[in-house]
Protein backbone atom coordinates (compact mmCIF):
# COMPACT_ATOMS: atom_id res chain seq x y z
CA UNK A 1 -73.68 -42.27 -2.76
CA UNK A 2 -75.89 -45.01 -4.20
CA UNK A 3 -78.47 -43.37 -6.50
CA UNK A 4 -81.72 -45.30 -6.96
CA UNK A 5 -83.17 -43.17 -9.78
CA UNK A 6 -82.20 -40.09 -11.78
CA UNK A 7 -84.75 -37.48 -12.86
CA UNK A 8 -83.48 -35.22 -15.64
CA UNK A 9 -85.60 -32.08 -15.82
CA UNK A 10 -83.02 -29.85 -17.47
CA UNK A 11 -84.77 -27.26 -19.63
CA UNK A 12 -88.09 -27.79 -17.82
CA UNK A 13 -89.61 -24.76 -16.08
CA UNK A 14 -91.52 -24.31 -12.83
CA UNK A 15 -93.69 -25.97 -11.60
CA UNK A 16 -92.95 -29.12 -13.63
CA UNK A 17 -89.63 -30.06 -11.94
CA UNK A 18 -91.39 -30.37 -8.57
CA UNK A 19 -94.37 -32.20 -10.07
CA UNK A 20 -92.06 -34.69 -11.79
CA UNK A 21 -89.97 -35.10 -8.62
CA UNK A 22 -93.12 -35.86 -6.63
CA UNK A 23 -94.07 -38.53 -9.18
CA UNK A 24 -90.54 -39.99 -9.40
CA UNK A 25 -89.94 -40.32 -5.66
CA UNK A 26 -92.76 -42.88 -5.52
CA UNK A 27 -90.65 -45.16 -7.74
CA UNK A 28 -87.76 -45.09 -5.25
CA UNK A 29 -87.71 -47.44 -2.25
CA UNK A 30 -87.92 -45.87 1.20
CA UNK A 31 -84.36 -44.91 2.12
CA UNK A 32 -83.32 -44.69 -1.54
CA UNK A 33 -81.89 -41.62 -3.27
CA UNK A 34 -83.52 -39.69 -6.11
CA UNK A 35 -81.05 -37.59 -8.11
CA UNK A 36 -82.69 -34.53 -9.69
CA UNK A 37 -80.90 -32.62 -12.46
CA UNK A 38 -82.43 -29.21 -13.21
CA UNK A 39 -81.54 -25.94 -14.91
CA UNK A 40 -84.47 -23.75 -13.75
CA UNK A 41 -83.03 -21.42 -11.04
CA UNK A 42 -86.32 -21.56 -9.12
CA UNK A 43 -85.61 -25.20 -8.25
CA UNK A 44 -83.00 -23.98 -5.74
CA UNK A 45 -85.94 -22.92 -3.57
CA UNK A 46 -88.75 -25.14 -4.88
CA UNK A 47 -87.12 -28.55 -4.41
CA UNK A 48 -86.08 -27.90 -0.77
CA UNK A 49 -89.57 -26.53 -0.03
CA UNK A 50 -91.16 -29.63 -1.55
CA UNK A 51 -88.95 -31.98 0.50
CA UNK A 52 -89.83 -30.14 3.73
CA UNK A 53 -93.56 -30.37 2.96
CA UNK A 54 -93.43 -34.00 1.85
CA UNK A 55 -91.19 -35.32 4.64
CA UNK A 56 -88.25 -36.33 2.44
CA UNK A 57 -84.64 -35.27 3.03
CA UNK A 58 -82.17 -33.44 0.81
CA UNK A 59 -78.91 -35.27 1.38
CA UNK A 60 -76.96 -32.71 -0.64
CA UNK A 61 -77.39 -30.21 -3.43
CA UNK A 62 -74.84 -28.56 -5.67
CA UNK A 63 -74.46 -26.60 -8.89
CA UNK A 64 -72.13 -27.75 -11.67
CA UNK A 65 -71.96 -26.13 -15.12
CA UNK A 66 -75.32 -24.36 -14.64
CA UNK A 67 -77.03 -27.62 -13.64
CA UNK A 68 -78.55 -27.89 -10.16
CA UNK A 69 -78.14 -31.35 -8.67
CA UNK A 70 -80.34 -32.46 -5.79
CA UNK A 71 -79.99 -35.77 -3.97
CA UNK A 72 -83.22 -36.55 -2.11
CA UNK A 73 -83.67 -39.47 0.28
CA UNK A 74 -87.17 -40.93 0.34
CA UNK A 75 -88.35 -41.01 3.95
CA UNK A 76 -91.85 -42.49 3.68
């Protein structure tokens, strides 16, 4: 997967990961991938909800060593 930008919000609590993701996705070209690295467990629900509302797509998400990794494709 070709990642356009990585957003590291490990240690940052709700609602800031979503706010920062919303800001960061604007710096990714349409069709590009934003990688989000987070440790706040609420991001498991918040990031998918944000992508549904904003029209972007979660390509995949996974958890490794207590870090949640989201790969979001910018759609518009």
